[in-house]
C-alpha atoms as a PDB file:
ATOM      1  CA  MET A   1      -4.488 -30.167  26.066  1.00  0.00           C
ATOM      2  CA  GLN A   2      -2.080 -27.991  24.124  1.00  0.00           C
ATOM      3  CA  GLN A   3      -1.096 -24.682  24.674  1.00  0.00           C
ATOM      4  CA  HIS A   4       0.390 -22.041  22.066  1.00  0.00           C
ATOM      5  CA  ASP A   5       2.136 -19.408  22.947  1.00  0.00           C
ATOM      6  CA  TYR A   6       0.313 -16.584  21.101  1.00  0.00           C
ATOM      7  CA  VAL A   7       2.022 -13.027  21.015  1.00  0.00           C
ATOM      8  CA  PRO A   8      -0.798 -10.411  20.029  1.00  0.00           C
ATOM      9  CA  PRO A   9       0.803  -7.906  17.496  1.00  0.00           C
ATOM     10  CA  GLU A  10       2.364  -4.909  18.448  1.00  0.00           C
ATOM     11  CA  ALA A  11       0.282  -2.098  19.073  1.00  0.00           C
ATOM     12  CA  PHE A  12       1.642   1.161  17.363  1.00  0.00           C
ATOM     13  CA  ALA A  13      -0.283   3.959  19.447  1.00  0.00           C
ATOM     14  CA  GLY A  14       0.844   6.609  16.385  1.00  0.00           C
ATOM     15  CA  SER A  15       4.593   5.222  16.494  1.00  0.00           C
ATOM     16  CA  ALA A  16       6.625   5.773  13.274  1.00  0.00           C
ATOM     17  CA  ALA A  17       9.472   3.395  14.657  1.00  0.00           C
ATOM     18  CA  ALA A  18       6.614   0.400  15.966  1.00  0.00           C
ATOM     19  CA  VAL A  19       5.234   1.043  11.892  1.00  0.00           C
ATOM     20  CA  LEU A  20       8.869   0.711  10.488  1.00  0.00           C
ATOM     21  CA  ARG A  21       9.587  -2.331  12.931  1.00  0.00           C
ATOM     22  CA  CYS A  22       6.169  -3.956  11.160  1.00  0.00           C
ATOM     23  CA  LEU A  23       7.466  -3.062   8.234  1.00  0.00           C
ATOM     24  CA  ARG A  24      10.813  -4.277   8.157  1.00  0.00           C
ATOM     25  CA  GLU A  25       9.291  -7.672   9.735  1.00  0.00           C
ATOM     26  CA  LEU A  26       6.774  -8.281   7.157  1.00  0.00           C
ATOM     27  CA  VAL A  27       9.638  -8.153   4.332  1.00  0.00           C
ATOM     28  CA  ALA A  28      11.928 -10.120   5.939  1.00  0.00           C
ATOM     29  CA  LEU A  29       9.051 -12.631   5.752  1.00  0.00           C
ATOM     30  CA  THR A  30       8.866 -12.155   2.575  1.00  0.00           C
ATOM     31  CA  GLY A  31      12.713 -12.399   1.506  1.00  0.00           C
ATOM     32  CA  LEU A  32      12.486  -9.603  -0.765  1.00  0.00           C
ATOM     33  CA  GLY A  33      14.113  -7.034   0.954  1.00  0.00           C
ATOM     34  CA  SER A  34      17.837  -5.826   1.206  1.00  0.00           C
ATOM     35  CA  ALA A  35      19.161  -4.766   4.520  1.00  0.00           C
ATOM     36  CA  ASP A  36      20.017  -1.121   2.571  1.00  0.00           C
ATOM     37  CA  GLY A  37      17.770   1.697   2.849  1.00  0.00           C
ATOM     38  CA  PRO A  38      13.874   1.932   4.159  1.00  0.00           C
ATOM     39  CA  PRO A  39      11.856  -0.864   3.852  1.00  0.00           C
ATOM     40  CA  VAL A  40       9.481  -1.616   1.340  1.00  0.00           C
ATOM     41  CA  LEU A  41       7.059  -4.541   1.015  1.00  0.00           C
ATOM     42  CA  GLU A  42       5.684  -5.545  -2.004  1.00  0.00           C
ATOM     43  CA  LEU A  43       2.689  -7.761  -2.314  1.00  0.00           C
ATOM     44  CA  GLN A  44       1.063  -9.620  -5.465  1.00  0.00           C
ATOM     45  CA  PHE A  45      -2.710 -10.188  -5.829  1.00  0.00           C
ATOM     46  CA  ASP A  46      -3.016 -12.015  -9.021  1.00  0.00           C
ATOM     47  CA  ASP A  47      -1.902  -9.435 -11.658  1.00  0.00           C
ATOM     48  CA  ILE A  48      -2.015  -6.538  -8.788  1.00  0.00           C
ATOM     49  CA  VAL A  49       0.686  -5.215  -7.261  1.00  0.00           C
ATOM     50  CA  THR A  50       1.734  -3.253  -4.033  1.00  0.00           C
ATOM     51  CA  LEU A  51       4.202  -1.765  -2.466  1.00  0.00           C
ATOM     52  CA  THR A  52       4.386  -0.065   0.660  1.00  0.00           C
ATOM     53  CA  SER A  53       6.727   2.451   2.699  1.00  0.00           C
ATOM     54  CA  LEU A  54       7.092   4.608   5.249  1.00  0.00           C
ATOM     55  CA  ALA A  55       7.109   8.447   4.905  1.00  0.00           C
ATOM     56  CA  ALA A  56       8.594   8.537   8.241  1.00  0.00           C
ATOM     57  CA  ASP A  57      10.625  12.039   7.683  1.00  0.00           C
ATOM     58  CA  ALA A  58       6.800  13.785   7.157  1.00  0.00           C
ATOM     59  CA  PRO A  59       5.732  16.639   9.255  1.00  0.00           C
ATOM     60  CA  GLN A  60       2.825  13.290   9.651  1.00  0.00           C
ATOM     61  CA  PRO A  61       4.526  10.444   8.941  1.00  0.00           C
ATOM     62  CA  TYR A  62       2.403   8.380   6.547  1.00  0.00           C
ATOM     63  CA  LEU A  63       2.188   4.661   5.073  1.00  0.00           C
ATOM     64  CA  CYS A  64       2.758   5.164   1.021  1.00  0.00           C
ATOM     65  CA  VAL A  65       0.617   2.466  -0.738  1.00  0.00           C
ATOM     66  CA  SER A  66       1.450   2.427  -4.315  1.00  0.00           C
ATOM     67  CA  VAL A  67      -0.767  -0.094  -6.057  1.00  0.00           C
ATOM     68  CA  TYR A  68      -0.164  -1.144  -9.762  1.00  0.00           C
ATOM     69  CA  LEU A  69      -2.962  -2.118 -11.868  1.00  0.00           C
ATOM     70  CA  PRO A  70      -2.815  -4.361 -14.683  1.00  0.00           C
ATOM     71  CA  ARG A  71      -1.616  -3.372 -17.936  1.00  0.00           C
ATOM     72  CA  ARG A  72      -3.971  -2.441 -20.434  1.00  0.00           C
ATOM     73  CA  ALA A  73      -5.005   0.535 -22.824  1.00  0.00           C
ATOM     74  CA  LEU A  74      -5.424   3.664 -21.352  1.00  0.00           C
ATOM     75  CA  ALA A  75      -9.190   4.131 -20.497  1.00  0.00           C
ATOM     76  CA  PRO A  76     -10.616   7.079 -22.768  1.00  0.00           C
ATOM     77  CA  SER A  77     -12.759   8.246 -20.062  1.00  0.00           C
ATOM     78  CA  ALA A  78      -9.664   8.469 -17.236  1.00  0.00           C
ATOM     79  CA  ALA A  79      -7.538   9.778 -20.202  1.00  0.00           C
ATOM     80  CA  ALA A  80      -7.463  13.653 -19.183  1.00  0.00           C
ATOM     81  CA  PRO A  81      -7.009  15.416 -16.946  1.00  0.00           C
ATOM     82  CA  LEU A  82      -4.810  13.282 -15.071  1.00  0.00           C
ATOM     83  CA  ALA A  83      -6.975  14.120 -11.648  1.00  0.00           C
ATOM     84  CA  SER A  84      -8.445  12.478  -8.601  1.00  0.00           C
ATOM     85  CA  PRO A  85      -9.919   8.575 -10.295  1.00  0.00           C
ATOM     86  CA  GLY A  86     -13.015   9.443  -7.762  1.00  0.00           C
ATOM     87  CA  TYR A  87     -12.203   8.415  -4.599  1.00  0.00           C
ATOM     88  CA  PRO A  88     -10.834  10.804  -1.650  1.00  0.00           C
ATOM     89  CA  GLY A  89      -7.204   9.392  -0.130  1.00  0.00           C
ATOM     90  CA  GLY A  90      -5.351   8.744  -3.750  1.00  0.00           C
ATOM     91  CA  GLU A  91      -3.966  10.081  -6.692  1.00  0.00           C
ATOM     92  CA  TRP A  92      -3.228   7.994 -10.310  1.00  0.00           C
ATOM     93  CA  LEU A  93      -0.720   7.784 -12.880  1.00  0.00           C
ATOM     94  CA  TRP A  94      -0.634   6.594 -15.919  1.00  0.00           C
ATOM     95  CA  ASP A  95       2.645   4.924 -16.869  1.00  0.00           C
ATOM     96  CA  ALA A  96       2.688   4.705 -20.584  1.00  0.00           C
ATOM     97  CA  SER A  97       5.953   2.803 -20.710  1.00  0.00           C
ATOM     98  CA  GLU A  98       4.101  -0.236 -19.240  1.00  0.00           C
ATOM     99  CA  GLY A  99       0.467   0.646 -19.932  1.00  0.00           C
ATOM    100  CA  ARG A 100      -0.826   0.663 -16.275  1.00  0.00           C
ATOM    101  CA  TYR A 101      -2.386   2.821 -14.021  1.00  0.00           C
ATOM    102  CA  ILE A 102      -0.678   3.337 -10.504  1.00  0.00           C
ATOM    103  CA  ILE A 103      -2.643   4.393  -7.769  1.00  0.00           C
ATOM    104  CA  LEU A 104      -1.312   6.430  -4.692  1.00  0.00           C
ATOM    105  CA  HIS A 105      -2.356   5.874  -1.091  1.00  0.00           C
ATOM    106  CA  ASP A 106      -0.963   7.818   1.413  1.00  0.00           C
ATOM    107  CA  ILE A 107      -2.355   6.770   4.898  1.00  0.00           C
ATOM    108  CA  GLY A 108      -1.845   8.739   8.264  1.00  0.00           C
ATOM    109  CA  ILE A 109      -0.082   6.110  10.790  1.00  0.00           C
ATOM    110  CA  GLU A 110      -2.775   7.444  13.098  1.00  0.00           C
ATOM    111  CA  GLN A 111      -5.442   4.799  11.614  1.00  0.00           C
ATOM    112  CA  LEU A 112      -3.136   2.212  12.033  1.00  0.00           C
ATOM    113  CA  ALA A 113      -3.324   0.205  15.308  1.00  0.00           C
ATOM    114  CA  ASP A 114      -1.328  -2.807  14.667  1.00  0.00           C
ATOM    115  CA  GLU A 115       0.207  -5.091  12.173  1.00  0.00           C
ATOM    116  CA  THR A 116      -3.306  -6.028  11.416  1.00  0.00           C
ATOM    117  CA  SER A 117      -4.479  -2.784   9.910  1.00  0.00           C
ATOM    118  CA  LEU A 118      -1.216  -2.084   8.126  1.00  0.00           C
ATOM    119  CA  LEU A 119      -2.294  -5.132   5.854  1.00  0.00           C
ATOM    120  CA  ASP A 120      -6.202  -4.505   6.382  1.00  0.00           C
ATOM    121  CA  ALA A 121      -5.140  -0.921   4.813  1.00  0.00           C
ATOM    122  CA  ILE A 122      -2.856  -2.366   2.381  1.00  0.00           C
ATOM    123  CA  LEU A 123      -5.639  -4.262   1.082  1.00  0.00           C
ATOM    124  CA  ALA A 124      -8.227  -1.462   1.283  1.00  0.00           C
ATOM    125  CA  ALA A 125      -5.972   0.386  -0.673  1.00  0.00           C
ATOM    126  CA  LYS A 126      -5.845  -2.575  -3.895  1.00  0.00           C
ATOM    127  CA  ASP A 127      -9.781  -3.084  -3.425  1.00  0.00           C
ATOM    128  CA  LYS A 128     -10.382   0.503  -3.980  1.00  0.00           C
ATOM    129  CA  ALA A 129      -8.104   0.675  -7.152  1.00  0.00           C
ATOM    130  CA  SER A 130      -9.502  -2.301  -8.290  1.00  0.00           C
ATOM    131  CA  ALA A 131     -12.860  -1.398  -7.862  1.00  0.00           C
ATOM    132  CA  TRP A 132     -11.853   2.136  -9.797  1.00  0.00           C
ATOM    133  CA  LEU A 133     -10.404   0.449 -12.867  1.00  0.00           C
ATOM    134  CA  LEU A 134     -13.759  -1.842 -12.832  1.00  0.00           C
ATOM    135  CA  SER A 135     -15.375   1.647 -13.347  1.00  0.00           C
ATOM    136  CA  VAL A 136     -13.661   2.922 -15.950  1.00  0.00           C
ATOM    137  CA  SER A 137     -13.146   0.115 -18.003  1.00  0.00           C
END
């Protein structure tokens, strides 16, 4: 029987340093990162792009997930005022130059147990933003 050397993901335990290490490793896996500055994890899901970084200097560190939705015309029902898109934990912007919505999610690192929960948080942010876009389209 073949043995595998499985190493479970590092538990974050509320540590900004552990989350930062994880982001650096994930960025390195994508091959898109640079050694300069804080790591930003870019993931593309069809026509939706997420950018994820860590606000480590905040009084309560948090993961910032920016969801760039597909290009489209500004939905009249969402045009004014630019406020909450109808769910907690995010704010949204309209980028007129690109013709797309950008949904910003701030997720406290205390909600992240390990690498798996970090990736799940990114997917959940993307799914919430997609569902919102469908609701106003």
